[in-house]
Each structure stands twice: as structure tokens, then as C-alpha cells.
């Protein structure tokens, strides 16, 4: 059942991945913010869901203009950990994915 609920989120992530692979390289490196607006929107949707992720991405796009100072602008921390992001960037139920930090041993070596 969780896969069905995560489908809209993953469809938007796939759409943004195609945009970043096909259209974004045509513009070159013109972003004032780090990460770029498309990457920010993708992270926001991955971690916060469709509604809040689209809201955060839209707010970011309105801040992106020639007179903006720019700089580092990370997404807000998620309030919960109900989903995990697999190595392909798609959201999966938290019990189905192994987080990247679990691969590190206690001494910090991978």
C-alpha cells in the first residue's frame, strides 16, 4: 500500500531527473543558488512529499532572479523519517531501504 502512496512523489522525481538530464544542461551553469532550483525541488519532493515539496520548490523559484544574492540554500529538515531515499533517488517505505549512513562503520570508514 505504501508504494501506491509514494507513486506521485516518485513520478515527480522521475520527471525532474529527466529535466535535469535533458533540458538543464542546455542552460549551462547559471544558478545563483546551491543546489540548483531543480535539485532543490527534487530534494524537497523526496523528503517532504508532493504538496510540501512543490510548495518549497515554488518558493525557491520565486526567490531566484537576477538581483538575488544567491548562496547555499538547503531544504528544511524533514519532521519525520517515514520514507527513505534509495540509491536511484526514489522514495521507498523506511523499512525497505538501507540508508547510506548504515554502510559506515563505527570508526567512520566505509
PDB file of N, CA and C in Angstrom:
ATOM      1  N   UNK A   1       0.820  -1.195   0.000  1.00  0.00           N
ATOM      2  CA  UNK A   1       0.000   0.000   0.000  1.00  0.00           C
ATOM      3  C   UNK A   1       0.866   1.263   0.000  1.00  0.00           C
ATOM      4  N   UNK A   2       1.992   1.214   0.693  1.00  0.00           N
ATOM      5  CA  UNK A   2       2.869   2.388   0.764  1.00  0.00           C
ATOM      6  C   UNK A   2       3.426   2.746  -0.605  1.00  0.00           C
ATOM      7  N   UNK A   3       3.652   1.746  -1.459  1.00  0.00           N
ATOM      8  CA  UNK A   3       4.184   2.016  -2.792  1.00  0.00           C
ATOM      9  C   UNK A   3       3.188   2.840  -3.608  1.00  0.00           C
ATOM     10  N   UNK A   4       1.913   2.578  -3.427  1.00  0.00           N
ATOM     11  CA  UNK A   4       0.881   3.328  -4.152  1.00  0.00           C
ATOM     12  C   UNK A   4       0.871   4.774  -3.682  1.00  0.00           C
ATOM     13  N   UNK A   5       1.011   4.991  -2.385  1.00  0.00           N
ATOM     14  CA  UNK A   5       1.008   6.348  -1.851  1.00  0.00           C
ATOM     15  C   UNK A   5       2.258   7.127  -2.235  1.00  0.00           C
ATOM     16  N   UNK A   6       3.360   6.420  -2.487  1.00  0.00           N
ATOM     17  CA  UNK A   6       4.608   7.080  -2.867  1.00  0.00           C
ATOM     18  C   UNK A   6       4.729   7.284  -4.378  1.00  0.00           C
ATOM     19  N   UNK A   7       3.804   6.738  -5.161  1.00  0.00           N
ATOM     20  CA  UNK A   7       3.879   6.826  -6.623  1.00  0.00           C
ATOM     21  C   UNK A   7       3.885   8.268  -7.143  1.00  0.00           C
ATOM     22  N   UNK A   8       2.985   9.169  -6.681  1.00  0.00           N
ATOM     23  CA  UNK A   8       3.042  10.545  -7.195  1.00  0.00           C
ATOM     24  C   UNK A   8       4.382  11.232  -6.899  1.00  0.00           C
ATOM     25  N   UNK A   9       4.926  10.976  -5.739  1.00  0.00           N
ATOM     26  CA  UNK A   9       6.222  11.551  -5.359  1.00  0.00           C
ATOM     27  C   UNK A   9       7.304  11.065  -6.313  1.00  0.00           C
ATOM     28  N   UNK A  10       7.297   9.763  -6.591  1.00  0.00           N
ATOM     29  CA  UNK A  10       8.333   9.194  -7.445  1.00  0.00           C
ATOM     30  C   UNK A  10       8.155   9.587  -8.909  1.00  0.00           C
ATOM     31  N   UNK A  11       6.914   9.824  -9.345  1.00  0.00           N
ATOM     32  CA  UNK A  11       6.681  10.303 -10.715  1.00  0.00           C
ATOM     33  C   UNK A  11       7.268  11.702 -10.880  1.00  0.00           C
ATOM     34  N   UNK A  12       7.056  12.568  -9.892  1.00  0.00           N
ATOM     35  CA  UNK A  12       7.636  13.913  -9.954  1.00  0.00           C
ATOM     36  C   UNK A  12       9.155  13.863  -9.902  1.00  0.00           C
ATOM     37  N   UNK A  13       9.712  12.980  -9.083  1.00  0.00           N
ATOM     38  CA  UNK A  13      11.173  12.839  -9.010  1.00  0.00           C
ATOM     39  C   UNK A  13      11.714  12.377 -10.363  1.00  0.00           C
ATOM     40  N   UNK A  14      11.053  11.416 -11.001  1.00  0.00           N
ATOM     41  CA  UNK A  14      11.495  10.936 -12.318  1.00  0.00           C
ATOM     42  C   UNK A  14      11.414  12.055 -13.349  1.00  0.00           C
ATOM     43  N   UNK A  15      10.353  12.865 -13.289  1.00  0.00           N
ATOM     44  CA  UNK A  15      10.216  13.995 -14.214  1.00  0.00           C
ATOM     45  C   UNK A  15      11.349  14.991 -14.027  1.00  0.00           C
ATOM     46  N   UNK A  16      11.677  15.297 -12.785  1.00  0.00           N
ATOM     47  CA  UNK A  16      12.778  16.222 -12.519  1.00  0.00           C
ATOM     48  C   UNK A  16      14.123  15.640 -12.935  1.00  0.00           C
ATOM     49  N   UNK A  17      14.294  14.323 -12.788  1.00  0.00           N
ATOM     50  CA  UNK A  17      15.538  13.688 -13.232  1.00  0.00           C
ATOM     51  C   UNK A  17      15.697  13.811 -14.749  1.00  0.00           C
ATOM     52  N   UNK A  18      14.596  13.622 -15.501  1.00  0.00           N
ATOM     53  CA  UNK A  18      14.648  13.773 -16.952  1.00  0.00           C
ATOM     54  C   UNK A  18      14.960  15.227 -17.303  1.00  0.00           C
ATOM     55  N   UNK A  19      14.312  16.174 -16.637  1.00  0.00           N
ATOM     56  CA  UNK A  19      14.590  17.592 -16.874  1.00  0.00           C
ATOM     57  C   UNK A  19      16.063  17.899 -16.629  1.00  0.00           C
ATOM     58  N   UNK A  20      16.599  17.397 -15.520  1.00  0.00           N
ATOM     59  CA  UNK A  20      17.994  17.678 -15.176  1.00  0.00           C
ATOM     60  C   UNK A  20      18.965  17.028 -16.163  1.00  0.00           C
ATOM     61  N   UNK A  21      18.584  15.906 -16.761  1.00  0.00           N
ATOM     62  CA  UNK A  21      19.464  15.219 -17.702  1.00  0.00           C
ATOM     63  C   UNK A  21      19.367  15.778 -19.120  1.00  0.00           C
ATOM     64  N   UNK A  22      18.176  16.272 -19.521  1.00  0.00           N
ATOM     65  CA  UNK A  22      17.966  16.669 -20.905  1.00  0.00           C
ATOM     66  C   UNK A  22      17.966  18.188 -21.087  1.00  0.00           C
ATOM     67  N   UNK A  23      17.183  18.894 -20.300  1.00  0.00           N
ATOM     68  CA  UNK A  23      16.980  20.327 -20.527  1.00  0.00           C
ATOM     69  C   UNK A  23      17.971  21.187 -19.750  1.00  0.00           C
ATOM     70  N   UNK A  24      18.227  20.860 -18.516  1.00  0.00           N
ATOM     71  CA  UNK A  24      19.095  21.681 -17.676  1.00  0.00           C
ATOM     72  C   UNK A  24      20.497  21.890 -18.262  1.00  0.00           C
ATOM     73  N   UNK A  25      21.133  20.890 -18.882  1.00  0.00           N
ATOM     74  CA  UNK A  25      22.462  21.129 -19.452  1.00  0.00           C
ATOM     75  C   UNK A  25      22.471  22.170 -20.581  1.00  0.00           C
ATOM     76  N   UNK A  26      21.338  22.389 -21.217  1.00  0.00           N
ATOM     77  CA  UNK A  26      21.271  23.377 -22.292  1.00  0.00           C
ATOM     78  C   UNK A  26      21.454  24.798 -21.777  1.00  0.00           C
ATOM     79  N   UNK A  27      21.078  25.045 -20.520  1.00  0.00           N
ATOM     80  CA  UNK A  27      21.203  26.371 -19.925  1.00  0.00           C
ATOM     81  C   UNK A  27      22.611  26.664 -19.417  1.00  0.00           C
ATOM     82  N   UNK A  28      23.353  25.646 -19.126  1.00  0.00           N
ATOM     83  CA  UNK A  28      24.691  25.844 -18.577  1.00  0.00           C
ATOM     84  C   UNK A  28      24.626  26.147 -17.092  1.00  0.00           C
ATOM     85  N   UNK A  29      25.716  26.634 -16.556  1.00  0.00           N
ATOM     86  CA  UNK A  29      25.820  26.903 -15.119  1.00  0.00           C
ATOM     87  C   UNK A  29      25.423  28.358 -14.844  1.00  0.00           C
ATOM     88  N   UNK A  30      24.126  28.600 -14.664  1.00  0.00           N
ATOM     89  CA  UNK A  30      23.628  29.962 -14.455  1.00  0.00           C
ATOM     90  C   UNK A  30      22.958  30.145 -13.090  1.00  0.00           C
ATOM     91  N   UNK A  31      22.980  29.140 -12.270  1.00  0.00           N
ATOM     92  CA  UNK A  31      22.262  29.197 -10.993  1.00  0.00           C
ATOM     93  C   UNK A  31      22.988  30.090  -9.986  1.00  0.00           C
ATOM     94  N   UNK A  32      22.210  30.876  -9.254  1.00  0.00           N
ATOM     95  CA  UNK A  32      22.760  31.726  -8.201  1.00  0.00           C
ATOM     96  C   UNK A  32      22.793  30.993  -6.869  1.00  0.00           C
ATOM     97  N   UNK A  33      21.993  29.965  -6.748  1.00  0.00           N
ATOM     98  CA  UNK A  33      21.892  29.209  -5.504  1.00  0.00           C
ATOM     99  C   UNK A  33      22.556  27.852  -5.654  1.00  0.00           C
ATOM    100  N   UNK A  34      22.942  27.310  -4.531  1.00  0.00           N
ATOM    101  CA  UNK A  34      23.402  25.921  -4.476  1.00  0.00           C
ATOM    102  C   UNK A  34      22.562  25.206  -3.436  1.00  0.00           C
ATOM    103  N   UNK A  35      21.953  24.107  -3.743  1.00  0.00           N
ATOM    104  CA  UNK A  35      21.868  23.426  -5.025  1.00  0.00           C
ATOM    105  C   UNK A  35      20.968  24.176  -5.999  1.00  0.00           C
ATOM    106  N   UNK A  36      21.011  23.774  -7.265  1.00  0.00           N
ATOM    107  CA  UNK A  36      20.193  24.440  -8.283  1.00  0.00           C
ATOM    108  C   UNK A  36      18.714  24.289  -7.931  1.00  0.00           C
ATOM    109  N   UNK A  37      17.877  25.100  -8.559  1.00  0.00           N
ATOM    110  CA  UNK A  37      16.440  25.074  -8.243  1.00  0.00           C
ATOM    111  C   UNK A  37      15.819  23.709  -8.526  1.00  0.00           C
ATOM    112  N   UNK A  38      16.222  23.064  -9.630  1.00  0.00           N
ATOM    113  CA  UNK A  38      15.649  21.751  -9.944  1.00  0.00           C
ATOM    114  C   UNK A  38      16.098  20.700  -8.934  1.00  0.00           C
ATOM    115  N   UNK A  39      17.344  20.780  -8.498  1.00  0.00           N
ATOM    116  CA  UNK A  39      17.833  19.828  -7.498  1.00  0.00           C
ATOM    117  C   UNK A  39      17.182  20.091  -6.141  1.00  0.00           C
ATOM    118  N   UNK A  40      17.009  21.345  -5.804  1.00  0.00           N
ATOM    119  CA  UNK A  40      16.317  21.729  -4.566  1.00  0.00           C
ATOM    120  C   UNK A  40      14.891  21.184  -4.570  1.00  0.00           C
ATOM    121  N   UNK A  41      14.175  21.384  -5.697  1.00  0.00           N
ATOM    122  CA  UNK A  41      12.795  20.894  -5.797  1.00  0.00           C
ATOM    123  C   UNK A  41      12.751  19.375  -5.695  1.00  0.00           C
ATOM    124  N   UNK A  42      13.697  18.698  -6.330  1.00  0.00           N
ATOM    125  CA  UNK A  42      13.725  17.241  -6.270  1.00  0.00           C
ATOM    126  C   UNK A  42      13.969  16.762  -4.838  1.00  0.00           C
ATOM    127  N   UNK A  43      14.915  17.380  -4.134  1.00  0.00           N
ATOM    128  CA  UNK A  43      15.169  17.006  -2.737  1.00  0.00           C
ATOM    129  C   UNK A  43      13.954  17.293  -1.865  1.00  0.00           C
ATOM    130  N   UNK A  44      13.308  18.433  -2.090  1.00  0.00           N
ATOM    131  CA  UNK A  44      12.137  18.790  -1.289  1.00  0.00           C
ATOM    132  C   UNK A  44      11.017  17.785  -1.493  1.00  0.00           C
ATOM    133  N   UNK A  45      10.787  17.372  -2.726  1.00  0.00           N
ATOM    134  CA  UNK A  45       9.739  16.381  -3.001  1.00  0.00           C
ATOM    135  C   UNK A  45      10.122  15.032  -2.419  1.00  0.00           C
ATOM    136  N   UNK A  46      11.379  14.648  -2.537  1.00  0.00           N
ATOM    137  CA  UNK A  46      11.829  13.368  -1.989  1.00  0.00           C
ATOM    138  C   UNK A  46      11.613  13.305  -0.479  1.00  0.00           C
ATOM    139  N   UNK A  47      11.976  14.346   0.221  1.00  0.00           N
ATOM    140  CA  UNK A  47      11.980  14.311   1.683  1.00  0.00           C
ATOM    141  C   UNK A  47      10.691  14.796   2.328  1.00  0.00           C
ATOM    142  N   UNK A  48       9.958  15.692   1.656  1.00  0.00           N
ATOM    143  CA  UNK A  48       8.775  16.288   2.276  1.00  0.00           C
ATOM    144  C   UNK A  48       7.460  15.882   1.626  1.00  0.00           C
ATOM    145  N   UNK A  49       7.500  15.178   0.505  1.00  0.00           N
ATOM    146  CA  UNK A  49       6.274  14.778  -0.162  1.00  0.00           C
ATOM    147  C   UNK A  49       5.884  15.747  -1.259  1.00  0.00           C
ATOM    148  N   UNK A  50       4.808  15.409  -1.964  1.00  0.00           N
ATOM    149  CA  UNK A  50       4.414  16.177  -3.139  1.00  0.00           C
ATOM    150  C   UNK A  50       3.953  17.581  -2.776  1.00  0.00           C
ATOM    151  N   UNK A  51       3.028  17.707  -1.861  1.00  0.00           N
ATOM    152  CA  UNK A  51       2.423  19.013  -1.576  1.00  0.00           C
ATOM    153  C   UNK A  51       3.455  19.980  -0.999  1.00  0.00           C
ATOM    154  N   UNK A  52       4.109  19.591   0.072  1.00  0.00           N
ATOM    155  CA  UNK A  52       5.085  20.489   0.693  1.00  0.00           C
ATOM    156  C   UNK A  52       6.317  20.663  -0.196  1.00  0.00           C
ATOM    157  N   UNK A  53       6.722  19.607  -0.903  1.00  0.00           N
ATOM    158  CA  UNK A  53       7.876  19.701  -1.790  1.00  0.00           C
ATOM    159  C   UNK A  53       7.643  20.657  -2.947  1.00  0.00           C
ATOM    160  N   UNK A  54       6.455  20.601  -3.552  1.00  0.00           N
ATOM    161  CA  UNK A  54       6.131  21.534  -4.631  1.00  0.00           C
ATOM    162  C   UNK A  54       6.045  22.952  -4.080  1.00  0.00           C
ATOM    163  N   UNK A  55       5.499  23.109  -2.885  1.00  0.00           N
ATOM    164  CA  UNK A  55       5.430  24.428  -2.251  1.00  0.00           C
ATOM    165  C   UNK A  55       6.839  24.991  -2.019  1.00  0.00           C
ATOM    166  N   UNK A  56       7.723  24.178  -1.463  1.00  0.00           N
ATOM    167  CA  UNK A  56       9.097  24.629  -1.206  1.00  0.00           C
ATOM    168  C   UNK A  56       9.820  24.948  -2.513  1.00  0.00           C
ATOM    169  N   UNK A  57       9.641  24.099  -3.529  1.00  0.00           N
ATOM    170  CA  UNK A  57      10.272  24.340  -4.821  1.00  0.00           C
ATOM    171  C   UNK A  57       9.750  25.610  -5.488  1.00  0.00           C
ATOM    172  N   UNK A  58       8.456  25.866  -5.365  1.00  0.00           N
ATOM    173  CA  UNK A  58       7.865  27.082  -5.934  1.00  0.00           C
ATOM    174  C   UNK A  58       8.378  28.324  -5.225  1.00  0.00           C
ATOM    175  N   UNK A  59       8.471  28.259  -3.911  1.00  0.00           N
ATOM    176  CA  UNK A  59       9.024  29.393  -3.157  1.00  0.00           C
ATOM    177  C   UNK A  59      10.458  29.675  -3.576  1.00  0.00           C
ATOM    178  N   UNK A  60      11.219  28.612  -3.791  1.00  0.00           N
ATOM    179  CA  UNK A  60      12.607  28.773  -4.221  1.00  0.00           C
ATOM    180  C   UNK A  60      12.679  29.432  -5.597  1.00  0.00           C
ATOM    181  N   UNK A  61      11.812  29.009  -6.525  1.00  0.00           N
ATOM    182  CA  UNK A  61      11.811  29.600  -7.860  1.00  0.00           C
ATOM    183  C   UNK A  61      11.468  31.093  -7.824  1.00  0.00           C
ATOM    184  N   UNK A  62      10.579  31.489  -6.910  1.00  0.00           N
ATOM    185  CA  UNK A  62      10.233  32.914  -6.822  1.00  0.00           C
ATOM    186  C   UNK A  62      11.394  33.733  -6.252  1.00  0.00           C
ATOM    187  N   UNK A  63      12.261  33.106  -5.472  1.00  0.00           N
ATOM    188  CA  UNK A  63      13.433  33.813  -4.933  1.00  0.00           C
ATOM    189  C   UNK A  63      14.571  33.894  -5.937  1.00  0.00           C
ATOM    190  N   UNK A  64      14.507  33.094  -6.995  1.00  0.00           N
ATOM    191  CA  UNK A  64      15.592  33.019  -7.969  1.00  0.00           C
ATOM    192  C   UNK A  64      15.356  34.060  -9.068  1.00  0.00           C
ATOM    193  N   UNK A  65      16.103  35.148  -9.007  1.00  0.00           N
ATOM    194  CA  UNK A  65      16.011  36.207 -10.006  1.00  0.00           C
ATOM    195  C   UNK A  65      17.375  36.895 -10.092  1.00  0.00           C
ATOM    196  N   UNK A  66      17.585  37.714 -11.103  1.00  0.00           N
ATOM    197  CA  UNK A  66      18.927  38.306 -11.309  1.00  0.00           C
ATOM    198  C   UNK A  66      19.439  39.153 -10.153  1.00  0.00           C
ATOM    199  N   UNK A  67      18.561  39.675  -9.295  1.00  0.00           N
ATOM    200  CA  UNK A  67      19.005  40.547  -8.218  1.00  0.00           C
ATOM    201  C   UNK A  67      19.166  39.803  -6.892  1.00  0.00           C
ATOM    202  N   UNK A  68      18.951  38.504  -6.903  1.00  0.00           N
ATOM    203  CA  UNK A  68      19.088  37.700  -5.685  1.00  0.00           C
ATOM    204  C   UNK A  68      20.571  37.544  -5.347  1.00  0.00           C
ATOM    205  N   UNK A  69      20.865  37.534  -4.060  1.00  0.00           N
ATOM    206  CA  UNK A  69      22.251  37.328  -3.629  1.00  0.00           C
ATOM    207  C   UNK A  69      22.728  35.916  -3.906  1.00  0.00           C
ATOM    208  N   UNK A  70      21.828  34.947  -3.800  1.00  0.00           N
ATOM    209  CA  UNK A  70      22.201  33.555  -4.025  1.00  0.00           C
ATOM    210  C   UNK A  70      22.861  32.960  -2.797  1.00  0.00           C
ATOM    211  N   UNK A  71      23.633  31.923  -3.012  1.00  0.00           N
ATOM    212  CA  UNK A  71      24.332  31.256  -1.926  1.00  0.00           C
ATOM    213  C   UNK A  71      23.798  29.850  -1.691  1.00  0.00           C
ATOM    214  N   UNK A  72      24.166  29.276  -0.565  1.00  0.00           N
ATOM    215  CA  UNK A  72      23.734  27.924  -0.211  1.00  0.00           C
ATOM    216  C   UNK A  72      22.350  28.001   0.411  1.00  0.00           C
ATOM    217  N   UNK A  73      21.437  27.193  -0.099  1.00  0.00           N
ATOM    218  CA  UNK A  73      20.054  27.181   0.371  1.00  0.00           C
ATOM    219  C   UNK A  73      19.584  25.734   0.421  1.00  0.00           C
ATOM    220  N   UNK A  74      19.749  25.098   1.552  1.00  0.00           N
ATOM    221  CA  UNK A  74      19.347  23.703   1.708  1.00  0.00           C
ATOM    222  C   UNK A  74      17.877  23.614   2.073  1.00  0.00           C
ATOM    223  N   UNK A  75      17.288  22.442   1.809  1.00  0.00           N
ATOM    224  CA  UNK A  75      15.889  22.237   2.171  1.00  0.00           C
ATOM    225  C   UNK A  75      15.776  22.146   3.690  1.00  0.00           C
ATOM    226  N   UNK A  76      14.609  22.493   4.242  1.00  0.00           N
ATOM    227  CA  UNK A  76      14.430  22.322   5.682  1.00  0.00           C
ATOM    228  C   UNK A  76      14.480  20.840   6.053  1.00  0.00           C
ATOM    229  N   UNK A  77      14.880  20.556   7.263  1.00  0.00           N
ATOM    230  CA  UNK A  77      14.938  19.172   7.716  1.00  0.00           C
ATOM    231  C   UNK A  77      13.539  18.583   7.777  1.00  0.00           C
ATOM    232  N   UNK A  78      13.387  17.329   7.321  1.00  0.00           N
ATOM    233  CA  UNK A  78      12.072  16.694   7.420  1.00  0.00           C
ATOM    234  C   UNK A  78      11.684  16.487   8.883  1.00  0.00           C
ATOM    235  N   UNK A  79      10.393  16.561   9.151  1.00  0.00           N
ATOM    236  CA  UNK A  79       9.909  16.421  10.518  1.00  0.00           C
ATOM    237  C   UNK A  79       9.832  14.975  10.962  1.00  0.00           C
ATOM    238  N   UNK A  80       9.861  14.058  10.028  1.00  0.00           N
ATOM    239  CA  UNK A  80       9.731  12.636  10.351  1.00  0.00           C
ATOM    240  C   UNK A  80      10.589  11.828   9.391  1.00  0.00           C
ATOM    241  N   UNK A  81      10.761  10.572   9.666  1.00  0.00           N
ATOM    242  CA  UNK A  81      11.550   9.697   8.813  1.00  0.00           C
ATOM    243  C   UNK A  81      10.740   8.537   8.291  1.00  0.00           C
ATOM    244  N   UNK A  82       9.546   8.825   7.775  1.00  0.00           N
ATOM    245  CA  UNK A  82       8.666   7.750   7.313  1.00  0.00           C
ATOM    246  C   UNK A  82       9.143   7.102   6.028  1.00  0.00           C
ATOM    247  N   UNK A  83       9.902   7.829   5.227  1.00  0.00           N
ATOM    248  CA  UNK A  83      10.392   7.266   3.972  1.00  0.00           C
ATOM    249  C   UNK A  83      11.905   7.379   3.924  1.00  0.00           C
ATOM    250  N   UNK A  84      12.489   6.544   3.103  1.00  0.00           N
ATOM    251  CA  UNK A  84      13.923   6.595   2.852  1.00  0.00           C
ATOM    252  C   UNK A  84      14.110   6.803   1.353  1.00  0.00           C
ATOM    253  N   UNK A  85      15.249   7.284   0.974  1.00  0.00           N
ATOM    254  CA  UNK A  85      15.560   7.512  -0.433  1.00  0.00           C
ATOM    255  C   UNK A  85      16.541   6.434  -0.871  1.00  0.00           C
ATOM    256  N   UNK A  86      16.163   5.663  -1.905  1.00  0.00           N
ATOM    257  CA  UNK A  86      17.058   4.602  -2.347  1.00  0.00           C
ATOM    258  C   UNK A  86      18.175   5.181  -3.210  1.00  0.00           C
ATOM    259  N   UNK A  87      19.074   4.354  -3.671  1.00  0.00           N
ATOM    260  CA  UNK A  87      20.252   4.851  -4.383  1.00  0.00           C
ATOM    261  C   UNK A  87      19.919   5.459  -5.737  1.00  0.00           C
ATOM    262  N   UNK A  88      18.707   5.220  -6.247  1.00  0.00           N
ATOM    263  CA  UNK A  88      18.277   5.804  -7.512  1.00  0.00           C
ATOM    264  C   UNK A  88      17.533   7.119  -7.307  1.00  0.00           C
ATOM    265  N   UNK A  89      17.317   7.525  -6.041  1.00  0.00           N
ATOM    266  CA  UNK A  89      16.676   8.787  -5.749  1.00  0.00           C
ATOM    267  C   UNK A  89      15.184   8.703  -5.535  1.00  0.00           C
ATOM    268  N   UNK A  90      14.623   7.504  -5.493  1.00  0.00           N
ATOM    269  CA  UNK A  90      13.190   7.356  -5.320  1.00  0.00           C
ATOM    270  C   UNK A  90      12.845   7.057  -3.872  1.00  0.00           C
ATOM    271  N   UNK A  91      11.675   7.522  -3.454  1.00  0.00           N
ATOM    272  CA  UNK A  91      11.219   7.316  -2.084  1.00  0.00           C
ATOM    273  C   UNK A  91      10.660   5.905  -1.948  1.00  0.00           C
ATOM    274  N   UNK A  92      11.050   5.237  -0.890  1.00  0.00           N
ATOM    275  CA  UNK A  92      10.551   3.902  -0.563  1.00  0.00           C
ATOM    276  C   UNK A  92      10.164   3.898   0.908  1.00  0.00           C
ATOM    277  N   UNK A  93       9.283   2.990   1.312  1.00  0.00           N
ATOM    278  CA  UNK A  93       8.969   2.914   2.745  1.00  0.00           C
ATOM    279  C   UNK A  93      10.241   2.716   3.554  1.00  0.00           C
ATOM    280  N   UNK A  94      10.329   3.320   4.711  1.00  0.00           N
ATOM    281  CA  UNK A  94      11.550   3.324   5.512  1.00  0.00           C
ATOM    282  C   UNK A  94      12.056   1.927   5.835  1.00  0.00           C
ATOM    283  N   UNK A  95      11.201   0.949   5.953  1.00  0.00           N
ATOM    284  CA  UNK A  95      11.645  -0.396   6.285  1.00  0.00           C
ATOM    285  C   UNK A  95      12.262  -1.123   5.094  1.00  0.00           C
ATOM    286  N   UNK A  96      12.101  -0.598   3.860  1.00  0.00           N
ATOM    287  CA  UNK A  96      12.588  -1.282   2.663  1.00  0.00           C
ATOM    288  C   UNK A  96      13.944  -0.799   2.183  1.00  0.00           C
ATOM    289  N   UNK A  97      14.433   0.282   2.700  1.00  0.00           N
ATOM    290  CA  UNK A  97      15.688   0.854   2.196  1.00  0.00           C
ATOM    291  C   UNK A  97      16.744   0.845   3.279  1.00  0.00           C
ATOM    292  N   UNK A  98      17.974   0.761   2.837  1.00  0.00           N
ATOM    293  CA  UNK A  98      19.103   0.863   3.735  1.00  0.00           C
ATOM    294  C   UNK A  98      19.693   2.248   3.523  1.00  0.00           C
ATOM    295  N   UNK A  99      19.795   3.009   4.575  1.00  0.00           N
ATOM    296  CA  UNK A  99      20.310   4.370   4.419  1.00  0.00           C
ATOM    297  C   UNK A  99      21.807   4.335   4.149  1.00  0.00           C
ATOM    298  N   UNK A 100      22.299   5.396   3.552  1.00  0.00           N
ATOM    299  CA  UNK A 100      23.714   5.479   3.215  1.00  0.00           C
ATOM    300  C   UNK A 100      24.587   5.492   4.463  1.00  0.00           C
ATOM    301  N   UNK A 101      24.067   6.024   5.564  1.00  0.00           N
ATOM    302  CA  UNK A 101      24.869   6.091   6.782  1.00  0.00           C
ATOM    303  C   UNK A 101      25.019   4.726   7.436  1.00  0.00           C
ATOM    304  N   UNK A 102      24.141   3.780   7.112  1.00  0.00           N
ATOM    305  CA  UNK A 102      24.265   2.473   7.736  1.00  0.00           C
ATOM    306  C   UNK A 102      25.431   1.680   7.183  1.00  0.00           C
ATOM    307  N   UNK A 103      25.981   2.105   6.040  1.00  0.00           N
ATOM    308  CA  UNK A 103      27.128   1.417   5.483  1.00  0.00           C
ATOM    309  C   UNK A 103      28.421   1.789   6.202  1.00  0.00           C
ATOM    310  N   UNK A 104      28.426   2.902   6.873  1.00  0.00           N
ATOM    311  CA  UNK A 104      29.641   3.344   7.579  1.00  0.00           C
ATOM    312  C   UNK A 104      29.785   2.573   8.883  1.00  0.00           C
ATOM    313  N   UNK A 105      30.997   2.191   9.164  1.00  0.00           N
ATOM    314  CA  UNK A 105      31.238   1.501  10.426  1.00  0.00           C
ATOM    315  C   UNK A 105      31.393   2.512  11.549  1.00  0.00           C
ATOM    316  N   UNK A 106      31.522   2.043  12.748  1.00  0.00           N
ATOM    317  CA  UNK A 106      31.602   2.943  13.896  1.00  0.00           C
ATOM    318  C   UNK A 106      32.848   3.826  13.886  1.00  0.00           C
ATOM    319  N   UNK A 107      33.908   3.404  13.194  1.00  0.00           N
ATOM    320  CA  UNK A 107      35.104   4.234  13.159  1.00  0.00           C
ATOM    321  C   UNK A 107      35.094   5.230  11.994  1.00  0.00           C
ATOM    322  N   UNK A 108      33.972   5.293  11.248  1.00  0.00           N
ATOM    323  CA  UNK A 108      33.831   6.272  10.190  1.00  0.00           C
ATOM    324  C   UNK A 108      34.325   5.808   8.841  1.00  0.00           C
ATOM    325  N   UNK A 109      34.896   4.600   8.744  1.00  0.00           N
ATOM    326  CA  UNK A 109      35.370   4.091   7.460  1.00  0.00           C
ATOM    327  C   UNK A 109      34.230   3.360   6.765  1.00  0.00           C
ATOM    328  N   UNK A 110      34.225   3.470   5.447  1.00  0.00           N
ATOM    329  CA  UNK A 110      33.167   2.802   4.665  1.00  0.00           C
ATOM    330  C   UNK A 110      33.633   1.448   4.252  1.00  0.00           C
TER     331      UNK A 110
END
